[in-house]
Amino acid sequence: MLNCYNQWRDSGFSTQWCYENFVQARSIKQARDVRDQLDGLMDRVEVEKTSNLDGDAICKAIASGFFYNATRLEKGGTYRTLKNPHTVHIHPSSCLFKSEKLPRWLIYHELVFTTKEFMRQVIQIESAWLLEIAPFYYQSKELEDQTKAKLPKVVGKTSTTA
């Protein structure tokens, strides 16, 4: 999503760019408003602004706030929450929904229930981050792969309707 935002910014915050790239203009404008608000807040409290192009650091920062929403990829192409195990699916509006190679670990922002329980606003993480971020919440045993079997490479109707 950060790459998407940067491309939109480089286009001059063009609504046409949003249309051509299948991005909700209203949602990305809201992200810009939040960014501008944080920028103003940093000015007010005199915090030095720096640029960090390290995607892992940004993902770790998000994961540190949502570590309790971690999921692991299962054999059938679905995800399983870790602490209160139940099956969840990537929301169809997510860019990862039709991904050829599903990430093994995800963090989600919220769950919505329609025909199934879907994760919205997901990011890929590394399981080791969970131990680093929340050693009080996760044990290394919980984060080990339970099987060495191959996981699905392609998402399609067969893997999402299982």
N, C-alpha and C. Protein backbone atom coordinates (compact mmCIF):
# COMPACT_ATOMS: atom_id res chain seq x y z
N MET A 1 0.82 -1.19 0.00
CA MET A 1 0.00 0.00 0.00
C MET A 1 0.86 1.25 0.00
N LEU A 2 1.99 1.20 0.66
CA LEU A 2 2.86 2.37 0.69
C LEU A 2 3.37 2.69 -0.71
N ASN A 3 3.71 1.66 -1.48
CA ASN A 3 4.13 1.88 -2.87
C ASN A 3 3.00 2.50 -3.68
N CYS A 4 1.80 2.04 -3.44
CA CYS A 4 0.63 2.58 -4.12
C CYS A 4 0.46 4.06 -3.79
N TYR A 5 0.58 4.40 -2.52
CA TYR A 5 0.45 5.80 -2.10
C TYR A 5 1.53 6.66 -2.76
N ASN A 6 2.76 6.17 -2.78
CA ASN A 6 3.86 6.93 -3.38
C ASN A 6 3.64 7.16 -4.88
N GLN A 7 3.12 6.16 -5.57
CA GLN A 7 2.83 6.33 -6.99
C GLN A 7 1.72 7.36 -7.20
N TRP A 8 0.72 7.33 -6.34
CA TRP A 8 -0.37 8.31 -6.42
C TRP A 8 0.16 9.71 -6.16
N ARG A 9 1.03 9.86 -5.16
CA ARG A 9 1.66 11.15 -4.87
C ARG A 9 2.46 11.64 -6.07
N ASP A 10 3.22 10.73 -6.69
CA ASP A 10 4.04 11.09 -7.86
C ASP A 10 3.18 11.52 -9.05
N SER A 11 1.93 11.06 -9.08
CA SER A 11 1.02 11.46 -10.17
C SER A 11 0.37 12.81 -9.88
N GLY A 12 0.73 13.42 -8.78
CA GLY A 12 0.12 14.70 -8.40
C GLY A 12 -1.22 14.51 -7.71
N PHE A 13 -1.39 13.38 -7.03
CA PHE A 13 -2.63 13.04 -6.33
C PHE A 13 -3.83 13.02 -7.29
N SER A 14 -3.60 12.43 -8.44
CA SER A 14 -4.59 12.41 -9.52
C SER A 14 -5.72 11.42 -9.27
N THR A 15 -6.95 11.92 -9.42
CA THR A 15 -8.12 11.05 -9.33
C THR A 15 -8.14 10.09 -10.51
N GLN A 16 -7.68 10.56 -11.67
CA GLN A 16 -7.60 9.71 -12.86
C GLN A 16 -6.65 8.53 -12.61
N TRP A 17 -5.53 8.78 -11.91
CA TRP A 17 -4.60 7.70 -11.58
C TRP A 17 -5.31 6.64 -10.75
N CYS A 18 -6.12 7.08 -9.79
CA CYS A 18 -6.87 6.13 -8.95
C CYS A 18 -7.78 5.27 -9.81
N TYR A 19 -8.49 5.90 -10.73
CA TYR A 19 -9.41 5.18 -11.61
C TYR A 19 -8.65 4.15 -12.45
N GLU A 20 -7.52 4.57 -13.04
CA GLU A 20 -6.75 3.69 -13.92
C GLU A 20 -6.09 2.54 -13.16
N ASN A 21 -5.85 2.72 -11.87
CA ASN A 21 -5.17 1.69 -11.07
C ASN A 21 -6.09 0.99 -10.08
N PHE A 22 -7.39 1.19 -10.25
CA PHE A 22 -8.40 0.51 -9.44
C PHE A 22 -8.22 0.77 -7.94
N VAL A 23 -7.95 2.02 -7.61
CA VAL A 23 -7.77 2.44 -6.22
C VAL A 23 -8.93 3.35 -5.84
N GLN A 24 -9.52 3.13 -4.68
CA GLN A 24 -10.60 3.98 -4.20
C GLN A 24 -10.04 5.36 -3.87
N ALA A 25 -10.42 6.36 -4.66
CA ALA A 25 -9.90 7.72 -4.47
C ALA A 25 -10.22 8.24 -3.07
N ARG A 26 -11.43 7.99 -2.60
CA ARG A 26 -11.83 8.48 -1.28
C ARG A 26 -10.95 7.90 -0.17
N SER A 27 -10.65 6.61 -0.27
CA SER A 27 -9.84 5.96 0.76
C SER A 27 -8.40 6.46 0.76
N ILE A 28 -7.82 6.61 -0.41
CA ILE A 28 -6.43 7.05 -0.46
C ILE A 28 -6.31 8.52 -0.07
N LYS A 29 -7.35 9.32 -0.36
CA LYS A 29 -7.35 10.72 0.09
C LYS A 29 -7.43 10.78 1.61
N GLN A 30 -8.16 9.86 2.20
CA GLN A 30 -8.24 9.79 3.66
C GLN A 30 -6.86 9.44 4.24
N ALA A 31 -6.14 8.54 3.58
CA ALA A 31 -4.78 8.20 4.02
C ALA A 31 -3.88 9.44 3.94
N ARG A 32 -4.04 10.23 2.88
CA ARG A 32 -3.24 11.46 2.76
C ARG A 32 -3.58 12.44 3.89
N ASP A 33 -4.87 12.54 4.23
CA ASP A 33 -5.29 13.43 5.31
C ASP A 33 -4.67 13.00 6.64
N VAL A 34 -4.64 11.70 6.90
CA VAL A 34 -4.04 11.19 8.14
C VAL A 34 -2.54 11.48 8.14
N ARG A 35 -1.89 11.27 7.00
CA ARG A 35 -0.45 11.56 6.89
C ARG A 35 -0.19 13.04 7.15
N ASP A 36 -1.00 13.90 6.54
CA ASP A 36 -0.84 15.35 6.75
C ASP A 36 -1.06 15.73 8.21
N GLN A 37 -2.02 15.08 8.85
CA GLN A 37 -2.30 15.35 10.26
C GLN A 37 -1.10 14.94 11.12
N LEU A 38 -0.53 13.78 10.85
CA LEU A 38 0.65 13.33 11.59
C LEU A 38 1.85 14.25 11.33
N ASP A 39 1.97 14.71 10.10
CA ASP A 39 3.04 15.64 9.74
C ASP A 39 2.92 16.93 10.55
N GLY A 40 1.71 17.45 10.64
CA GLY A 40 1.47 18.67 11.42
C GLY A 40 1.74 18.46 12.90
N LEU A 41 1.35 17.30 13.41
CA LEU A 41 1.58 16.97 14.81
C LEU A 41 3.08 16.92 15.11
N MET A 42 3.84 16.33 14.21
CA MET A 42 5.29 16.26 14.39
C MET A 42 5.91 17.65 14.40
N ASP A 43 5.39 18.55 13.57
CA ASP A 43 5.87 19.94 13.58
C ASP A 43 5.58 20.60 14.92
N ARG A 44 4.37 20.40 15.44
CA ARG A 44 3.97 21.03 16.70
C ARG A 44 4.81 20.59 17.88
N VAL A 45 5.15 19.31 17.92
CA VAL A 45 5.93 18.81 19.06
C VAL A 45 7.43 18.77 18.75
N GLU A 46 7.79 19.32 17.61
CA GLU A 46 9.18 19.47 17.19
C GLU A 46 9.95 18.15 17.13
N VAL A 47 9.32 17.15 16.52
CA VAL A 47 9.97 15.87 16.29
C VAL A 47 10.60 15.93 14.90
N GLU A 48 11.85 15.50 14.82
CA GLU A 48 12.54 15.52 13.53
C GLU A 48 11.91 14.49 12.60
N LYS A 49 11.62 14.91 11.38
CA LYS A 49 11.04 14.01 10.38
C LYS A 49 12.17 13.39 9.57
N THR A 50 12.11 12.09 9.43
CA THR A 50 13.08 11.38 8.60
C THR A 50 12.31 10.46 7.67
N SER A 51 12.94 10.08 6.60
CA SER A 51 12.31 9.18 5.64
C SER A 51 12.87 7.79 5.86
N ASN A 52 12.00 6.81 5.87
CA ASN A 52 12.44 5.43 6.03
C ASN A 52 11.84 4.61 4.90
N LEU A 53 12.67 4.19 3.99
CA LEU A 53 12.20 3.41 2.85
C LEU A 53 12.26 1.91 3.12
N ASP A 54 12.62 1.54 4.34
CA ASP A 54 12.71 0.13 4.72
C ASP A 54 11.30 -0.40 4.99
N GLY A 55 10.77 -1.15 4.05
CA GLY A 55 9.42 -1.69 4.18
C GLY A 55 9.25 -2.59 5.39
N ASP A 56 10.29 -3.37 5.73
CA ASP A 56 10.21 -4.25 6.89
C ASP A 56 10.02 -3.46 8.18
N ALA A 57 10.71 -2.35 8.30
CA ALA A 57 10.58 -1.54 9.52
C ALA A 57 9.16 -0.99 9.65
N ILE A 58 8.58 -0.60 8.53
CA ILE A 58 7.21 -0.08 8.55
C ILE A 58 6.24 -1.21 8.90
N CYS A 59 6.43 -2.37 8.30
CA CYS A 59 5.56 -3.52 8.60
C CYS A 59 5.69 -3.95 10.06
N LYS A 60 6.91 -3.92 10.59
CA LYS A 60 7.12 -4.26 12.00
C LYS A 60 6.40 -3.27 12.91
N ALA A 61 6.43 -2.01 12.54
CA ALA A 61 5.74 -0.99 13.34
C ALA A 61 4.24 -1.25 13.37
N ILE A 62 3.68 -1.60 12.22
CA ILE A 62 2.25 -1.92 12.16
C ILE A 62 1.97 -3.19 12.95
N ALA A 63 2.82 -4.20 12.77
CA ALA A 63 2.64 -5.47 13.48
C ALA A 63 2.72 -5.29 14.99
N SER A 64 3.52 -4.34 15.45
CA SER A 64 3.62 -4.13 16.90
C SER A 64 2.32 -3.63 17.50
N GLY A 65 1.49 -2.99 16.69
CA GLY A 65 0.18 -2.55 17.17
C GLY A 65 -0.91 -3.59 16.99
N PHE A 66 -0.70 -4.53 16.08
CA PHE A 66 -1.74 -5.52 15.77
C PHE A 66 -1.24 -6.96 15.91
N PHE A 67 -0.25 -7.18 16.78
CA PHE A 67 0.35 -8.51 16.91
C PHE A 67 -0.67 -9.57 17.30
N TYR A 68 -1.72 -9.18 17.98
CA TYR A 68 -2.74 -10.15 18.41
C TYR A 68 -3.62 -10.58 17.24
N ASN A 69 -3.48 -9.94 16.07
CA ASN A 69 -4.25 -10.30 14.87
C ASN A 69 -3.39 -11.08 13.87
N ALA A 70 -2.52 -11.92 14.36
CA ALA A 70 -1.64 -12.70 13.48
C ALA A 70 -2.35 -13.96 13.00
N THR A 71 -2.06 -14.32 11.74
CA THR A 71 -2.62 -15.55 11.16
C THR A 71 -1.53 -16.31 10.43
N ARG A 72 -1.76 -17.62 10.31
CA ARG A 72 -0.82 -18.51 9.61
C ARG A 72 -1.56 -19.19 8.47
N LEU A 73 -0.88 -19.34 7.33
CA LEU A 73 -1.46 -20.01 6.17
C LEU A 73 -1.61 -21.50 6.44
N GLU A 74 -2.77 -22.03 6.10
CA GLU A 74 -3.05 -23.46 6.25
C GLU A 74 -2.95 -24.15 4.89
N LYS A 75 -3.00 -25.46 4.90
CA LYS A 75 -2.87 -26.25 3.67
C LYS A 75 -3.90 -25.89 2.61
N GLY A 76 -5.12 -25.63 2.98
CA GLY A 76 -6.19 -25.38 2.01
C GLY A 76 -6.19 -23.99 1.41
N GLY A 77 -5.20 -23.17 1.75
CA GLY A 77 -5.16 -21.81 1.20
C GLY A 77 -5.91 -20.81 2.04
N THR A 78 -6.37 -21.25 3.22
CA THR A 78 -7.03 -20.33 4.15
C THR A 78 -6.03 -19.98 5.25
N TYR A 79 -6.43 -19.08 6.11
CA TYR A 79 -5.58 -18.68 7.23
C TYR A 79 -6.25 -19.06 8.54
N ARG A 80 -5.42 -19.25 9.56
CA ARG A 80 -5.91 -19.62 10.88
C ARG A 80 -5.34 -18.62 11.88
N THR A 81 -6.22 -18.06 12.71
CA THR A 81 -5.75 -17.15 13.75
C THR A 81 -4.99 -17.96 14.78
N LEU A 82 -4.09 -17.32 15.51
CA LEU A 82 -3.20 -18.07 16.40
C LEU A 82 -3.76 -18.30 17.80
N LYS A 83 -4.25 -17.28 18.46
CA LYS A 83 -4.65 -17.43 19.86
C LYS A 83 -6.02 -18.06 20.04
N ASN A 84 -6.99 -17.63 19.29
CA ASN A 84 -8.33 -18.24 19.32
C ASN A 84 -8.54 -18.85 17.94
N PRO A 85 -7.99 -20.04 17.72
CA PRO A 85 -7.92 -20.58 16.36
C PRO A 85 -9.27 -20.71 15.66
N HIS A 86 -9.41 -19.98 14.59
CA HIS A 86 -10.53 -20.16 13.67
C HIS A 86 -10.09 -19.75 12.28
N THR A 87 -10.79 -20.24 11.29
CA THR A 87 -10.43 -20.03 9.89
C THR A 87 -10.91 -18.66 9.43
N VAL A 88 -10.01 -17.95 8.74
CA VAL A 88 -10.34 -16.65 8.16
C VAL A 88 -9.80 -16.63 6.73
N HIS A 89 -10.33 -15.71 5.93
CA HIS A 89 -9.97 -15.60 4.53
C HIS A 89 -9.54 -14.18 4.21
N ILE A 90 -8.72 -14.03 3.17
CA ILE A 90 -8.35 -12.69 2.71
C ILE A 90 -9.56 -12.09 2.00
N HIS A 91 -9.87 -10.86 2.31
CA HIS A 91 -11.02 -10.18 1.71
C HIS A 91 -10.81 -10.01 0.20
N PRO A 92 -11.86 -10.20 -0.60
CA PRO A 92 -11.72 -10.07 -2.06
C PRO A 92 -11.22 -8.70 -2.53
N SER A 93 -11.37 -7.66 -1.73
CA SER A 93 -10.89 -6.33 -2.13
C SER A 93 -9.39 -6.16 -1.90
N SER A 94 -8.76 -7.13 -1.24
CA SER A 94 -7.33 -7.04 -0.94
C SER A 94 -6.49 -7.34 -2.18
N CYS A 95 -5.37 -6.66 -2.30
CA CYS A 95 -4.45 -6.94 -3.42
C CYS A 95 -3.85 -8.34 -3.29
N LEU A 96 -3.88 -8.94 -2.11
CA LEU A 96 -3.35 -10.29 -1.92
C LEU A 96 -4.36 -11.38 -2.27
N PHE A 97 -5.61 -11.00 -2.52
CA PHE A 97 -6.67 -11.98 -2.72
C PHE A 97 -6.35 -12.95 -3.86
N LYS A 98 -5.86 -12.45 -4.97
CA LYS A 98 -5.55 -13.31 -6.11
C LYS A 98 -4.05 -13.50 -6.29
N SER A 99 -3.32 -13.35 -5.22
CA SER A 99 -1.87 -13.49 -5.28
C SER A 99 -1.50 -14.91 -5.69
N GLU A 100 -0.48 -15.02 -6.54
CA GLU A 100 -0.04 -16.34 -6.98
C GLU A 100 0.64 -17.12 -5.86
N LYS A 101 1.35 -16.42 -5.01
CA LYS A 101 2.00 -17.08 -3.88
C LYS A 101 1.53 -16.40 -2.60
N LEU A 102 0.77 -17.12 -1.82
CA LEU A 102 0.23 -16.55 -0.59
C LEU A 102 1.31 -16.43 0.47
N PRO A 103 1.32 -15.31 1.19
CA PRO A 103 2.27 -15.17 2.31
C PRO A 103 1.95 -16.18 3.40
N ARG A 104 2.96 -16.71 4.03
CA ARG A 104 2.75 -17.70 5.10
C ARG A 104 2.15 -17.06 6.35
N TRP A 105 2.53 -15.82 6.64
CA TRP A 105 2.06 -15.12 7.84
C TRP A 105 1.46 -13.78 7.46
N LEU A 106 0.33 -13.44 8.08
CA LEU A 106 -0.32 -12.14 7.86
C LEU A 106 -0.74 -11.54 9.19
N ILE A 107 -0.84 -10.22 9.19
CA ILE A 107 -1.48 -9.47 10.26
C ILE A 107 -2.66 -8.76 9.60
N TYR A 108 -3.81 -8.74 10.26
CA TYR A 108 -4.97 -8.04 9.70
C TYR A 108 -5.40 -6.93 10.65
N HIS A 109 -6.13 -5.97 10.09
CA HIS A 109 -6.65 -4.87 10.90
C HIS A 109 -8.00 -5.23 11.49
N GLU A 110 -8.89 -5.79 10.66
CA GLU A 110 -10.22 -6.13 11.17
C GLU A 110 -10.77 -7.35 10.45
N LEU A 111 -11.72 -7.99 11.10
CA LEU A 111 -12.44 -9.11 10.51
C LEU A 111 -13.86 -8.65 10.20
N VAL A 112 -14.34 -9.04 9.03
CA VAL A 112 -15.74 -8.78 8.67
C VAL A 112 -16.37 -10.11 8.29
N PHE A 113 -17.61 -10.27 8.66
CA PHE A 113 -18.30 -11.52 8.36
C PHE A 113 -19.40 -11.25 7.36
N THR A 114 -19.28 -11.89 6.19
CA THR A 114 -20.35 -11.86 5.19
C THR A 114 -20.71 -13.31 4.94
N THR A 115 -20.25 -13.87 3.84
CA THR A 115 -20.47 -15.30 3.60
C THR A 115 -19.45 -16.14 4.37
N LYS A 116 -18.31 -15.53 4.66
CA LYS A 116 -17.23 -16.14 5.45
C LYS A 116 -16.64 -15.04 6.32
N GLU A 117 -15.70 -15.41 7.16
CA GLU A 117 -15.01 -14.40 7.95
C GLU A 117 -13.78 -13.94 7.17
N PHE A 118 -13.78 -12.66 6.81
CA PHE A 118 -12.73 -12.10 5.98
C PHE A 118 -11.84 -11.15 6.76
N MET A 119 -10.53 -11.18 6.43
CA MET A 119 -9.57 -10.23 7.00
C MET A 119 -9.46 -9.04 6.05
N ARG A 120 -9.58 -7.85 6.61
CA ARG A 120 -9.40 -6.64 5.80
C ARG A 120 -8.12 -5.93 6.25
N GLN A 121 -7.51 -5.23 5.32
CA GLN A 121 -6.25 -4.51 5.55
C GLN A 121 -5.19 -5.46 6.13
N VAL A 122 -4.64 -6.28 5.26
CA VAL A 122 -3.64 -7.27 5.68
C VAL A 122 -2.24 -6.88 5.22
N ILE A 123 -1.24 -7.29 5.99
CA ILE A 123 0.15 -7.15 5.57
C ILE A 123 0.88 -8.44 5.88
N GLN A 124 1.88 -8.71 5.07
CA GLN A 124 2.72 -9.88 5.27
C GLN A 124 3.74 -9.59 6.36
N ILE A 125 3.97 -10.59 7.21
CA ILE A 125 4.97 -10.46 8.27
C ILE A 125 5.83 -11.72 8.31
N GLU A 126 6.85 -11.68 9.13
CA GLU A 126 7.68 -12.85 9.43
C GLU A 126 7.30 -13.33 10.83
N SER A 127 7.23 -14.63 11.03
CA SER A 127 6.84 -15.16 12.34
C SER A 127 7.82 -14.73 13.44
N ALA A 128 9.09 -14.58 13.09
CA ALA A 128 10.10 -14.17 14.08
C ALA A 128 9.79 -12.78 14.65
N TRP A 129 9.13 -11.94 13.86
CA TRP A 129 8.78 -10.61 14.35
C TRP A 129 7.86 -10.69 15.55
N LEU A 130 6.97 -11.68 15.56
CA LEU A 130 6.01 -11.80 16.66
C LEU A 130 6.73 -12.06 17.98
N LEU A 131 7.76 -12.89 17.94
CA LEU A 131 8.55 -13.15 19.16
C LEU A 131 9.32 -11.91 19.58
N GLU A 132 9.79 -11.17 18.61
CA GLU A 132 10.54 -9.94 18.89
C GLU A 132 9.62 -8.85 19.45
N ILE A 133 8.45 -8.71 18.86
CA ILE A 133 7.51 -7.66 19.24
C ILE A 133 6.75 -7.99 20.52
N ALA A 134 6.31 -9.24 20.63
CA ALA A 134 5.43 -9.62 21.75
C ALA A 134 5.85 -10.94 22.38
N PRO A 135 7.03 -11.00 23.00
CA PRO A 135 7.46 -12.25 23.62
C PRO A 135 6.59 -12.64 24.81
N PHE A 136 5.87 -11.68 25.37
CA PHE A 136 4.96 -11.92 26.48
C PHE A 136 3.65 -12.55 26.01
N TYR A 137 3.38 -12.50 24.70
CA TYR A 137 2.11 -12.98 24.16
C TYR A 137 2.26 -14.29 23.39
N TYR A 138 3.39 -14.45 22.69
CA TYR A 138 3.62 -15.64 21.87
C TYR A 138 4.79 -16.45 22.39
N GLN A 139 4.68 -17.76 22.25
CA GLN A 139 5.76 -18.69 22.55
C GLN A 139 6.32 -19.18 21.21
N SER A 140 7.60 -19.51 21.18
CA SER A 140 8.19 -19.95 19.91
C SER A 140 7.51 -21.21 19.38
N LYS A 141 7.01 -22.04 20.28
CA LYS A 141 6.34 -23.27 19.87
C LYS A 141 5.08 -22.98 19.04
N GLU A 142 4.37 -21.91 19.40
CA GLU A 142 3.16 -21.53 18.66
C GLU A 142 3.46 -21.09 17.24
N LEU A 143 4.67 -20.59 17.02
CA LEU A 143 5.01 -19.99 15.75
C LEU A 143 5.77 -20.92 14.82
N GLU A 144 6.03 -22.14 15.29
CA GLU A 144 6.70 -23.12 14.43
C GLU A 144 5.71 -23.60 13.39
N ASP A 145 6.23 -23.92 12.20
CA ASP A 145 5.36 -24.50 11.19
C ASP A 145 4.96 -25.89 11.66
N GLN A 146 3.67 -26.14 11.66
CA GLN A 146 3.18 -27.41 12.17
C GLN A 146 3.36 -28.53 11.17
N THR A 147 3.63 -28.17 9.95
CA THR A 147 3.82 -29.19 8.92
C THR A 147 4.87 -28.71 7.93
N LYS A 148 5.58 -29.62 7.37
CA LYS A 148 6.56 -29.27 6.35
C LYS A 148 5.97 -29.49 4.95
N ALA A 149 4.69 -29.80 4.90
CA ALA A 149 4.03 -30.03 3.61
C ALA A 149 4.02 -28.75 2.80
N LYS A 150 3.99 -28.91 1.49
CA LYS A 150 3.94 -27.75 0.61
C LYS A 150 2.61 -27.03 0.78
N LEU A 151 2.69 -25.72 0.74
CA LEU A 151 1.49 -24.90 0.83
C LEU A 151 1.07 -24.50 -0.57
N PRO A 152 -0.19 -24.11 -0.75
CA PRO A 152 -0.66 -23.78 -2.09
C PRO A 152 0.06 -22.56 -2.66
N LYS A 153 0.29 -22.58 -3.98
CA LYS A 153 0.94 -21.46 -4.64
C LYS A 153 -0.08 -20.51 -5.23
N VAL A 154 -1.17 -21.03 -5.73
CA VAL A 154 -2.13 -20.21 -6.45
C VAL A 154 -3.44 -20.15 -5.69
N VAL A 155 -4.00 -18.95 -5.63
CA VAL A 155 -5.31 -18.77 -5.03
C VAL A 155 -6.32 -18.83 -6.15
N GLY A 156 -7.35 -19.56 -5.94
CA GLY A 156 -8.42 -19.64 -6.93
C GLY A 156 -9.69 -20.01 -6.23
N LYS A 157 -10.71 -20.26 -6.99
CA LYS A 157 -11.99 -20.59 -6.39
C LYS A 157 -11.91 -21.84 -5.54
N THR A 158 -11.07 -22.80 -5.92
CA THR A 158 -10.99 -24.04 -5.15
C THR A 158 -10.39 -23.83 -3.78
N SER A 159 -9.39 -22.94 -3.68
CA SER A 159 -8.75 -22.77 -2.38
C SER A 159 -9.49 -21.80 -1.49
N THR A 160 -10.32 -20.91 -2.06
CA THR A 160 -11.02 -19.95 -1.22
C THR A 160 -12.41 -20.41 -0.83
N THR A 161 -12.91 -21.48 -1.45
CA THR A 161 -14.23 -21.96 -1.08
C THR A 161 -14.16 -23.19 -0.20
N ALA A 162 -12.97 -23.63 0.12
CA ALA A 162 -12.80 -24.84 0.94
C ALA A 162 -13.30 -24.62 2.34
